[in-house]
């Protein structure tokens, strides 16, 4: 038994005859008769008594009317709900992100998305490693993931959209040291650094500096990177972070220094292959638009971190 059979059955009930029902449904009368006969065989009972050219409902036919109308009404409601999602008047998309990409570019992508689809809720879950993000998308826990890695992201079983490459920067709070706008490993000598736990690109850079013999003190090792910027402002130490943190650093009065040679965090958006829900597809489209606009900005020679820095090259850019 399927929805088409129930629709044809109710048409016969409402119109009172096969001929009228066939006209209403815009199908041939033999086709309608065959469909009703097939439905009766599947149910194992007759639905109509054939009295001459008249059709009279059997007890089984009377019992089927109510459930049939409920089924077709529920299907109509389901279609209406899908259409509402298709036009994104409502809905929800589940996204998972690592901390730094969750600052930028996620903020800009979501700002553009929300301006077009204000009725859609974006549920943002947290992850701390690229494998966490990839695993959540592969398992279906989230439809979309945002991650940063020390090399361009490759996941053949997922759709991957490269968003940007963020250079690592040194964020400094109150200090008596005068640092150049661009700092190398030797310039970190004597600094107290706040670091994330082992496994991140930022921590790897600091570990390489320590391994080279530069005198650096680990002031704090922090699991949650959102705690690092407040600790910098309070003078606990300085930190190596991706450039996604530069705008927030500027807002709280910290200084930013470019690290040379440059090391990049490669940021990408990943999503399931196959059919995404309409909200997820729209979010991926917003990310593609971000890449396009970012490419346009680069083509127009948009200011870099140092282009917007303090005019004194011995004082880091206040970003």
Foldseek 3Di string as FASTA:
>chain_A
DDLVLLVLLVLCVVVFALVNSCVVVVHDSVVSVVSQVVVCVVVVHHQWDCDPRGTHGDPVVVVVNVVSVVVVVVVVVVVVVLVCQLQQQAEEFEEEEEPLVCLPPVVVLVVVLCVRRVRYYYHYHYDHAPVVQVVCQVVVVGFKYKYWDQDADDDPQWDKFWQDKFWKKKKAADDPDFAFQEDELQSQAPFAEAEEDPDHPFVVVVVVSVVVPRHYHDQYYDPDPVVRLVCRHVPSGMGIDTCSCQVVQLVSFIFIHGYPPIGIITMMMIGGPDDDRSSVVSSVVSSVVSSVVVVVCVVVVHDDQQSQADPPRRTHGRD
